[in-house]
Amino acid sequence: MRVVVDSNYLQSKKLEKYLSKSTNEVILTDQVSYEAIGSDIHKSFEILSRHSEQVFVLKRTGKIIKQSLKSSGLQKRLIDEKDSKRFRTICKKIQNPHKRDQAFLTTLKHMKHEVDADLLRINNEAAQMGELMLDYFSSMSKGEAKELRAGPPYNDKTLSFILKRIEKLTIQLFQGVVNFKDSKYYDEFYNSYLFRSGVCGYFLAQEWYLSGGLKDVKAKKMMNDLLDVQIAAYATYFDGFFSNDKKAIRIYKISDYFIKETIKT
């Protein structure tokens, strides 16, 4: 079993229990790794360092966006073997504090510089998605809103309606990142991280809309929520999502349901 873990779950006893079974594995996204490295890496990775052979690090989002994502071997293509090995090396240093040398500290320093640059990119992407969500749901009809308030399971008509909106949202948001007219990317569109991120972002905005309206969502809260669901989007490729954030879990569950109901992977 492979489960994506949120940064707020890294010190959970439940995670330790899950990893006590050797066949269970943890998936780390770039964002979760960045957050841990940018804070107290030793505390954040304390549990994982005891089970480092069961931890796999994903490729950076920027690379995943542009690579082939055929259904066959999909999970394997998402994992960065080099960074997974580097993570295990870091874990050995965490487990043996007396052996932390200058090279290790220098490595951490360089990684923190990478963190700053990548988090800025992630924040910019989240901000753009938030703006588009405002436009989409502000124009929603009363009939459409009524269908969404009923909640899942959705009928085929509603599933098709939501899918078309998400397709349009994804292309509008990321048309400057990839060429959606490229036949290779078009064939793999529903496996793409951009699409799955769009699915999670859509259902997050839907929750905002149905709970009082998007205009009342504060900018900082919108940003934090969008960053959380970007992690949840990766969980749709694997077997589950561990997080202490109830909203992120809700968005993951409905997004995973939607993808399974509408897309054959």
C-alpha atoms as a PDB file:
ATOM      1  CA  MET A   1       0.000   0.000   0.000  1.00  0.00           C
ATOM      2  CA  ARG A   2       1.329   3.429  -0.975  1.00  0.00           C
ATOM      3  CA  VAL A   3      -0.070   6.528   0.714  1.00  0.00           C
ATOM      4  CA  VAL A   4       0.741  10.208   0.206  1.00  0.00           C
ATOM      5  CA  VAL A   5       1.412  11.942   3.532  1.00  0.00           C
ATOM      6  CA  ASP A   6       0.787  15.589   4.393  1.00  0.00           C
ATOM      7  CA  SER A   7       3.380  17.597   6.347  1.00  0.00           C
ATOM      8  CA  ASN A   8       0.983  17.917   9.313  1.00  0.00           C
ATOM      9  CA  TYR A   9       0.956  14.099   9.644  1.00  0.00           C
ATOM     10  CA  LEU A  10       4.716  13.483   9.693  1.00  0.00           C
ATOM     11  CA  GLN A  11       4.910  13.313  13.498  1.00  0.00           C
ATOM     12  CA  SER A  12       1.723  11.294  13.979  1.00  0.00           C
ATOM     13  CA  LYS A  13       1.810   8.052  15.968  1.00  0.00           C
ATOM     14  CA  LYS A  14      -0.637   6.692  13.410  1.00  0.00           C
ATOM     15  CA  LEU A  15       2.035   7.103  10.754  1.00  0.00           C
ATOM     16  CA  GLU A  16       4.484   5.141  12.898  1.00  0.00           C
ATOM     17  CA  LYS A  17       1.907   2.373  13.296  1.00  0.00           C
ATOM     18  CA  TYR A  18       1.221   2.324   9.551  1.00  0.00           C
ATOM     19  CA  LEU A  19       4.931   1.977   8.777  1.00  0.00           C
ATOM     20  CA  SER A  20       5.350  -0.817  11.305  1.00  0.00           C
ATOM     21  CA  LYS A  21       4.055  -3.083   8.537  1.00  0.00           C
ATOM     22  CA  SER A  22       6.960  -3.461   6.111  1.00  0.00           C
ATOM     23  CA  THR A  23       4.744  -3.643   3.006  1.00  0.00           C
ATOM     24  CA  ASN A  24       3.261  -0.208   3.691  1.00  0.00           C
ATOM     25  CA  GLU A  25       4.977   2.709   1.960  1.00  0.00           C
ATOM     26  CA  VAL A  26       4.873   6.495   2.167  1.00  0.00           C
ATOM     27  CA  ILE A  27       4.973   8.919  -0.748  1.00  0.00           C
ATOM     28  CA  LEU A  28       6.501  12.376  -0.235  1.00  0.00           C
ATOM     29  CA  THR A  29       5.610  15.196  -2.620  1.00  0.00           C
ATOM     30  CA  ASP A  30       8.035  18.008  -3.348  1.00  0.00           C
ATOM     31  CA  GLN A  31       5.897  20.444  -1.362  1.00  0.00           C
ATOM     32  CA  VAL A  32       5.859  18.291   1.798  1.00  0.00           C
ATOM     33  CA  SER A  33       9.609  17.775   1.520  1.00  0.00           C
ATOM     34  CA  TYR A  34      10.137  21.513   1.099  1.00  0.00           C
ATOM     35  CA  GLU A  35       8.075  22.348   4.157  1.00  0.00           C
ATOM     36  CA  ALA A  36       9.996  19.840   6.284  1.00  0.00           C
ATOM     37  CA  ILE A  37      13.399  21.011   5.074  1.00  0.00           C
ATOM     38  CA  GLY A  38      12.413  24.639   5.567  1.00  0.00           C
ATOM     39  CA  SER A  39      11.446  24.029   9.216  1.00  0.00           C
ATOM     40  CA  ASP A  40      12.947  21.484  11.631  1.00  0.00           C
ATOM     41  CA  ILE A  41      14.019  18.684   9.323  1.00  0.00           C
ATOM     42  CA  HIS A  42      15.173  16.420  12.161  1.00  0.00           C
ATOM     43  CA  LYS A  43      11.860  16.638  13.987  1.00  0.00           C
ATOM     44  CA  SER A  44       9.780  16.418  10.809  1.00  0.00           C
ATOM     45  CA  PHE A  45      11.534  13.314   9.494  1.00  0.00           C
ATOM     46  CA  GLU A  46      12.112  11.582  12.824  1.00  0.00           C
ATOM     47  CA  ILE A  47       9.521   8.858  12.189  1.00  0.00           C
ATOM     48  CA  LEU A  48      10.276   8.482   8.496  1.00  0.00           C
ATOM     49  CA  SER A  49      13.997   8.208   9.209  1.00  0.00           C
ATOM     50  CA  ARG A  50      13.320   4.979  11.112  1.00  0.00           C
ATOM     51  CA  HIS A  51      11.556   3.528   8.053  1.00  0.00           C
ATOM     52  CA  SER A  52      13.431   5.268   5.238  1.00  0.00           C
ATOM     53  CA  GLU A  53      13.418   2.209   2.933  1.00  0.00           C
ATOM     54  CA  GLN A  54       9.613   2.486   2.857  1.00  0.00           C
ATOM     55  CA  VAL A  55       9.674   6.135   1.762  1.00  0.00           C
ATOM     56  CA  PHE A  56       9.646   7.304  -1.850  1.00  0.00           C
ATOM     57  CA  VAL A  57      10.074  10.886  -3.024  1.00  0.00           C
ATOM     58  CA  LEU A  58       8.188  12.135  -6.062  1.00  0.00           C
ATOM     59  CA  LYS A  59       9.770  14.087  -8.872  1.00  0.00           C
ATOM     60  CA  ARG A  60       9.366  17.838  -8.753  1.00  0.00           C
ATOM     61  CA  THR A  61       6.031  19.080  -9.971  1.00  0.00           C
ATOM     62  CA  GLY A  62       7.671  21.092 -12.761  1.00  0.00           C
ATOM     63  CA  LYS A  63       9.134  17.887 -14.196  1.00  0.00           C
ATOM     64  CA  ILE A  64       5.987  15.774 -13.711  1.00  0.00           C
ATOM     65  CA  ILE A  65       3.896  18.355 -15.559  1.00  0.00           C
ATOM     66  CA  LYS A  66       5.928  17.872 -18.740  1.00  0.00           C
ATOM     67  CA  GLN A  67       6.690  14.149 -18.724  1.00  0.00           C
ATOM     68  CA  SER A  68       4.873  11.159 -20.206  1.00  0.00           C
ATOM     69  CA  LEU A  69       2.139   9.847 -17.910  1.00  0.00           C
ATOM     70  CA  LYS A  70       0.806   6.759 -19.643  1.00  0.00           C
ATOM     71  CA  SER A  71      -1.400   4.611 -17.434  1.00  0.00           C
ATOM     72  CA  SER A  72       0.977   1.661 -17.561  1.00  0.00           C
ATOM     73  CA  GLY A  73       3.661   2.103 -14.872  1.00  0.00           C
ATOM     74  CA  LEU A  74       2.203   5.464 -13.905  1.00  0.00           C
ATOM     75  CA  GLN A  75       3.246   5.396 -10.239  1.00  0.00           C
ATOM     76  CA  LYS A  76       6.801   4.383 -11.090  1.00  0.00           C
ATOM     77  CA  ARG A  77       7.188   7.295 -13.512  1.00  0.00           C
ATOM     78  CA  LEU A  78       6.161   9.737 -10.791  1.00  0.00           C
ATOM     79  CA  ILE A  79       8.867   8.603  -8.342  1.00  0.00           C
ATOM     80  CA  ASP A  80      12.326  10.161  -8.335  1.00  0.00           C
ATOM     81  CA  GLU A  81      14.742   7.325  -7.539  1.00  0.00           C
ATOM     82  CA  LYS A  82      17.683   9.706  -7.125  1.00  0.00           C
ATOM     83  CA  ASP A  83      15.878  11.933  -4.623  1.00  0.00           C
ATOM     84  CA  SER A  84      14.526   8.868  -2.800  1.00  0.00           C
ATOM     85  CA  LYS A  85      18.106   7.677  -2.285  1.00  0.00           C
ATOM     86  CA  ARG A  86      19.157  11.170  -1.224  1.00  0.00           C
ATOM     87  CA  PHE A  87      16.320  11.168   1.304  1.00  0.00           C
ATOM     88  CA  ARG A  88      17.583   7.894   2.797  1.00  0.00           C
ATOM     89  CA  THR A  89      21.073   9.372   3.105  1.00  0.00           C
ATOM     90  CA  ILE A  90      19.619  12.337   4.994  1.00  0.00           C
ATOM     91  CA  CYS A  91      17.707   9.948   7.247  1.00  0.00           C
ATOM     92  CA  LYS A  92      20.915   8.145   8.188  1.00  0.00           C
ATOM     93  CA  LYS A  93      22.365  11.472   9.283  1.00  0.00           C
ATOM     94  CA  ILE A  94      19.234  12.214  11.307  1.00  0.00           C
ATOM     95  CA  GLN A  95      19.464   8.831  13.010  1.00  0.00           C
ATOM     96  CA  ASN A  96      23.166   9.388  13.784  1.00  0.00           C
ATOM     97  CA  PRO A  97      23.463  12.997  14.990  1.00  0.00           C
ATOM     98  CA  HIS A  98      27.108  12.581  15.980  1.00  0.00           C
ATOM     99  CA  LYS A  99      27.982  11.835  12.352  1.00  0.00           C
ATOM    100  CA  ARG A 100      26.483  15.031  10.935  1.00  0.00           C
ATOM    101  CA  ASP A 101      29.334  16.611   9.051  1.00  0.00           C
ATOM    102  CA  GLN A 102      29.885  19.880   7.225  1.00  0.00           C
ATOM    103  CA  ALA A 103      28.948  18.300   3.895  1.00  0.00           C
ATOM    104  CA  PHE A 104      25.546  17.333   5.325  1.00  0.00           C
ATOM    105  CA  LEU A 105      24.930  20.865   6.613  1.00  0.00           C
ATOM    106  CA  THR A 106      25.966  22.307   3.240  1.00  0.00           C
ATOM    107  CA  THR A 107      23.536  19.950   1.485  1.00  0.00           C
ATOM    108  CA  LEU A 108      20.701  21.149   3.710  1.00  0.00           C
ATOM    109  CA  LYS A 109      21.606  24.765   3.002  1.00  0.00           C
ATOM    110  CA  HIS A 110      21.434  24.204  -0.760  1.00  0.00           C
ATOM    111  CA  MET A 111      18.162  22.336  -0.407  1.00  0.00           C
ATOM    112  CA  LYS A 112      16.642  25.239   1.530  1.00  0.00           C
ATOM    113  CA  HIS A 113      17.541  27.586  -1.328  1.00  0.00           C
ATOM    114  CA  GLU A 114      15.697  25.229  -3.675  1.00  0.00           C
ATOM    115  CA  VAL A 115      12.772  25.257  -1.265  1.00  0.00           C
ATOM    116  CA  ASP A 116      12.408  29.041  -1.433  1.00  0.00           C
ATOM    117  CA  ALA A 117      12.363  29.075  -5.240  1.00  0.00           C
ATOM    118  CA  ASP A 118       9.928  26.183  -5.584  1.00  0.00           C
ATOM    119  CA  LEU A 119       7.533  27.421  -2.895  1.00  0.00           C
ATOM    120  CA  LEU A 120       7.357  30.774  -4.692  1.00  0.00           C
ATOM    121  CA  ARG A 121       6.380  28.936  -7.878  1.00  0.00           C
ATOM    122  CA  ILE A 122       3.753  26.874  -6.035  1.00  0.00           C
ATOM    123  CA  ASN A 123       2.305  30.003  -4.406  1.00  0.00           C
ATOM    124  CA  ASN A 124       2.023  31.732  -7.793  1.00  0.00           C
ATOM    125  CA  GLU A 125       0.226  28.721  -9.303  1.00  0.00           C
ATOM    126  CA  ALA A 126      -2.187  28.565  -6.379  1.00  0.00           C
ATOM    127  CA  ALA A 127      -2.959  32.283  -6.665  1.00  0.00           C
ATOM    128  CA  GLN A 128      -3.790  31.922 -10.376  1.00  0.00           C
ATOM    129  CA  MET A 129      -6.042  28.951  -9.686  1.00  0.00           C
ATOM    130  CA  GLY A 130      -7.882  30.875  -6.963  1.00  0.00           C
ATOM    131  CA  GLU A 131      -8.631  33.757  -9.330  1.00  0.00           C
ATOM    132  CA  LEU A 132     -10.028  31.431 -11.996  1.00  0.00           C
ATOM    133  CA  MET A 133     -12.188  29.635  -9.427  1.00  0.00           C
ATOM    134  CA  LEU A 134     -13.764  32.944  -8.456  1.00  0.00           C
ATOM    135  CA  ASP A 135     -14.783  33.554 -12.070  1.00  0.00           C
ATOM    136  CA  TYR A 136     -16.155  30.043 -12.601  1.00  0.00           C
ATOM    137  CA  PHE A 137     -18.403  29.839  -9.584  1.00  0.00           C
ATOM    138  CA  SER A 138     -19.553  33.446  -9.723  1.00  0.00           C
ATOM    139  CA  SER A 139     -21.206  32.664 -13.065  1.00  0.00           C
ATOM    140  CA  MET A 140     -22.919  29.460 -11.896  1.00  0.00           C
ATOM    141  CA  SER A 141     -26.677  29.215 -12.405  1.00  0.00           C
ATOM    142  CA  LYS A 142     -29.109  28.357  -9.587  1.00  0.00           C
ATOM    143  CA  GLY A 143     -29.889  25.039 -11.255  1.00  0.00           C
ATOM    144  CA  GLU A 144     -26.227  24.074 -11.404  1.00  0.00           C
ATOM    145  CA  ALA A 145     -25.740  25.084  -7.784  1.00  0.00           C
ATOM    146  CA  LYS A 146     -28.720  22.947  -6.741  1.00  0.00           C
ATOM    147  CA  GLU A 147     -27.214  19.882  -8.411  1.00  0.00           C
ATOM    148  CA  LEU A 148     -23.907  20.421  -6.615  1.00  0.00           C
ATOM    149  CA  ARG A 149     -25.541  20.983  -3.222  1.00  0.00           C
ATOM    150  CA  ALA A 150     -27.074  17.518  -3.477  1.00  0.00           C
ATOM    151  CA  GLY A 151     -23.526  16.161  -3.308  1.00  0.00           C
ATOM    152  CA  PRO A 152     -22.133  12.830  -4.524  1.00  0.00           C
ATOM    153  CA  PRO A 153     -22.879  10.353  -5.819  1.00  0.00           C
ATOM    154  CA  TYR A 154     -23.608  12.485  -8.873  1.00  0.00           C
ATOM    155  CA  ASN A 155     -25.675  11.350 -11.837  1.00  0.00           C
ATOM    156  CA  ASP A 156     -24.027  10.991 -15.263  1.00  0.00           C
ATOM    157  CA  LYS A 157     -25.273  14.391 -16.425  1.00  0.00           C
ATOM    158  CA  THR A 158     -23.733  16.198 -13.447  1.00  0.00           C
ATOM    159  CA  LEU A 159     -20.478  14.242 -13.742  1.00  0.00           C
ATOM    160  CA  SER A 160     -20.242  15.240 -17.407  1.00  0.00           C
ATOM    161  CA  PHE A 161     -21.017  18.874 -16.572  1.00  0.00           C
ATOM    162  CA  ILE A 162     -18.303  18.996 -13.888  1.00  0.00           C
ATOM    163  CA  LEU A 163     -15.774  17.240 -16.133  1.00  0.00           C
ATOM    164  CA  LYS A 164     -16.245  19.791 -18.923  1.00  0.00           C
ATOM    165  CA  ARG A 165     -15.743  22.676 -16.489  1.00  0.00           C
ATOM    166  CA  ILE A 166     -12.584  21.106 -15.077  1.00  0.00           C
ATOM    167  CA  GLU A 167     -11.207  20.426 -18.567  1.00  0.00           C
ATOM    168  CA  LYS A 168     -11.754  24.059 -19.495  1.00  0.00           C
ATOM    169  CA  LEU A 169     -10.276  25.268 -16.210  1.00  0.00           C
ATOM    170  CA  THR A 170      -7.151  23.132 -16.617  1.00  0.00           C
ATOM    171  CA  ILE A 171      -6.479  24.307 -20.161  1.00  0.00           C
ATOM    172  CA  GLN A 172      -7.137  27.948 -19.267  1.00  0.00           C
ATOM    173  CA  LEU A 173      -4.860  27.846 -16.227  1.00  0.00           C
ATOM    174  CA  PHE A 174      -1.922  25.963 -17.736  1.00  0.00           C
ATOM    175  CA  GLN A 175      -2.035  26.751 -21.455  1.00  0.00           C
ATOM    176  CA  GLY A 176       1.254  28.624 -21.087  1.00  0.00           C
ATOM    177  CA  VAL A 177       2.922  25.643 -19.383  1.00  0.00           C
ATOM    178  CA  VAL A 178       2.253  22.822 -21.858  1.00  0.00           C
ATOM    179  CA  ASN A 179       0.920  22.460 -25.392  1.00  0.00           C
ATOM    180  CA  PHE A 180      -2.477  20.824 -24.965  1.00  0.00           C
ATOM    181  CA  LYS A 181      -2.754  20.436 -28.754  1.00  0.00           C
ATOM    182  CA  ASP A 182       0.235  18.097 -28.740  1.00  0.00           C
ATOM    183  CA  SER A 183      -1.215  14.631 -29.464  1.00  0.00           C
ATOM    184  CA  LYS A 184       1.010  12.920 -26.870  1.00  0.00           C
ATOM    185  CA  TYR A 185      -0.122  15.252 -24.088  1.00  0.00           C
ATOM    186  CA  TYR A 186      -3.740  15.157 -25.241  1.00  0.00           C
ATOM    187  CA  ASP A 187      -3.833  11.343 -25.047  1.00  0.00           C
ATOM    188  CA  GLU A 188      -2.482  11.476 -21.460  1.00  0.00           C
ATOM    189  CA  PHE A 189      -4.509  14.502 -20.371  1.00  0.00           C
ATOM    190  CA  TYR A 190      -6.541  12.750 -17.666  1.00  0.00           C
ATOM    191  CA  ASN A 191      -3.413  11.246 -16.130  1.00  0.00           C
ATOM    192  CA  SER A 192      -1.717  14.632 -16.034  1.00  0.00           C
ATOM    193  CA  TYR A 193      -1.030  16.323 -12.716  1.00  0.00           C
ATOM    194  CA  LEU A 194      -2.466  19.534 -14.152  1.00  0.00           C
ATOM    195  CA  PHE A 195      -5.841  17.863 -14.675  1.00  0.00           C
ATOM    196  CA  ARG A 196      -5.866  16.184 -11.256  1.00  0.00           C
ATOM    197  CA  SER A 197      -4.819  19.398  -9.573  1.00  0.00           C
ATOM    198  CA  GLY A 198      -7.673  21.056 -11.442  1.00  0.00           C
ATOM    199  CA  VAL A 199     -10.116  18.419 -10.135  1.00  0.00           C
ATOM    200  CA  CYS A 200      -9.065  19.021  -6.522  1.00  0.00           C
ATOM    201  CA  GLY A 201      -9.058  22.781  -6.995  1.00  0.00           C
ATOM    202  CA  TYR A 202     -12.543  22.657  -8.470  1.00  0.00           C
ATOM    203  CA  PHE A 203     -14.025  20.712  -5.564  1.00  0.00           C
ATOM    204  CA  LEU A 204     -12.275  22.982  -3.074  1.00  0.00           C
ATOM    205  CA  ALA A 205     -13.825  26.033  -4.724  1.00  0.00           C
ATOM    206  CA  GLN A 206     -17.161  24.224  -4.798  1.00  0.00           C
ATOM    207  CA  GLU A 207     -16.945  23.757  -1.030  1.00  0.00           C
ATOM    208  CA  TRP A 208     -16.130  27.445  -0.574  1.00  0.00           C
ATOM    209  CA  TYR A 209     -19.033  28.396  -2.837  1.00  0.00           C
ATOM    210  CA  LEU A 210     -21.584  26.132  -1.143  1.00  0.00           C
ATOM    211  CA  SER A 211     -20.539  27.229   2.352  1.00  0.00           C
ATOM    212  CA  GLY A 212     -21.115  30.937   1.838  1.00  0.00           C
ATOM    213  CA  GLY A 213     -19.453  32.199  -1.288  1.00  0.00           C
ATOM    214  CA  LEU A 214     -15.964  32.637  -2.676  1.00  0.00           C
ATOM    215  CA  LYS A 215     -15.778  36.379  -2.065  1.00  0.00           C
ATOM    216  CA  ASP A 216     -15.816  35.818   1.698  1.00  0.00           C
ATOM    217  CA  VAL A 217     -12.752  33.546   1.599  1.00  0.00           C
ATOM    218  CA  LYS A 218      -9.708  35.435   2.858  1.00  0.00           C
ATOM    219  CA  ALA A 219      -6.684  35.481   0.561  1.00  0.00           C
ATOM    220  CA  LYS A 220      -4.382  33.714   3.035  1.00  0.00           C
ATOM    221  CA  LYS A 221      -6.931  30.970   3.728  1.00  0.00           C
ATOM    222  CA  MET A 222      -7.528  30.512   0.007  1.00  0.00           C
ATOM    223  CA  MET A 223      -3.789  30.167  -0.571  1.00  0.00           C
ATOM    224  CA  ASN A 224      -3.300  27.645   2.246  1.00  0.00           C
ATOM    225  CA  ASP A 225      -6.276  25.562   1.121  1.00  0.00           C
ATOM    226  CA  LEU A 226      -5.074  25.519  -2.484  1.00  0.00           C
ATOM    227  CA  LEU A 227      -1.592  24.419  -1.421  1.00  0.00           C
ATOM    228  CA  ASP A 228      -3.124  21.577   0.619  1.00  0.00           C
ATOM    229  CA  VAL A 229      -5.208  20.279  -2.261  1.00  0.00           C
ATOM    230  CA  GLN A 230      -2.190  20.282  -4.540  1.00  0.00           C
ATOM    231  CA  ILE A 231      -0.787  17.573  -2.260  1.00  0.00           C
ATOM    232  CA  ALA A 232      -4.152  15.786  -2.288  1.00  0.00           C
ATOM    233  CA  ALA A 233      -4.022  15.731  -6.094  1.00  0.00           C
ATOM    234  CA  TYR A 234      -0.966  13.474  -5.941  1.00  0.00           C
ATOM    235  CA  ALA A 235      -2.820  11.094  -3.622  1.00  0.00           C
ATOM    236  CA  THR A 236      -5.257  10.298  -6.469  1.00  0.00           C
ATOM    237  CA  TYR A 237      -2.403   8.414  -8.176  1.00  0.00           C
ATOM    238  CA  PHE A 238      -1.829   6.197  -5.138  1.00  0.00           C
ATOM    239  CA  ASP A 239      -3.786   4.284  -2.475  1.00  0.00           C
ATOM    240  CA  GLY A 240      -4.745   7.017  -0.029  1.00  0.00           C
ATOM    241  CA  PHE A 241      -3.935  10.267   1.752  1.00  0.00           C
ATOM    242  CA  PHE A 242      -2.833  10.843   5.352  1.00  0.00           C
ATOM    243  CA  SER A 243      -3.532  14.324   6.721  1.00  0.00           C
ATOM    244  CA  ASN A 244      -4.814  15.967   9.894  1.00  0.00           C
ATOM    245  CA  ASP A 245      -6.595  18.539   7.750  1.00  0.00           C
ATOM    246  CA  LYS A 246     -10.256  17.438   7.519  1.00  0.00           C
ATOM    247  CA  LYS A 247     -10.974  19.713   4.572  1.00  0.00           C
ATOM    248  CA  ALA A 248      -8.025  18.356   2.591  1.00  0.00           C
ATOM    249  CA  ILE A 249      -9.231  14.810   3.276  1.00  0.00           C
ATOM    250  CA  ARG A 250     -12.764  15.687   2.117  1.00  0.00           C
ATOM    251  CA  ILE A 251     -11.413  17.205  -1.107  1.00  0.00           C
ATOM    252  CA  TYR A 252      -9.196  14.177  -1.711  1.00  0.00           C
ATOM    253  CA  LYS A 253     -12.079  11.737  -1.227  1.00  0.00           C
ATOM    254  CA  ILE A 254     -14.514  13.514  -3.549  1.00  0.00           C
ATOM    255  CA  SER A 255     -11.790  14.093  -6.161  1.00  0.00           C
ATOM    256  CA  ASP A 256     -10.687  10.468  -6.049  1.00  0.00           C
ATOM    257  CA  TYR A 257     -14.341   9.383  -6.385  1.00  0.00           C
ATOM    258  CA  PHE A 258     -14.839  11.739  -9.332  1.00  0.00           C
ATOM    259  CA  ILE A 259     -11.727  10.535 -11.169  1.00  0.00           C
ATOM    260  CA  LYS A 260     -12.635   6.874 -10.674  1.00  0.00           C
ATOM    261  CA  GLU A 261     -16.205   7.505 -11.888  1.00  0.00           C
ATOM    262  CA  THR A 262     -15.326   9.527 -14.981  1.00  0.00           C
ATOM    263  CA  ILE A 263     -11.827   8.498 -16.050  1.00  0.00           C
ATOM    264  CA  LYS A 264     -10.616   5.021 -16.883  1.00  0.00           C
ATOM    265  CA  THR A 265      -6.940   4.839 -15.885  1.00  0.00           C
END
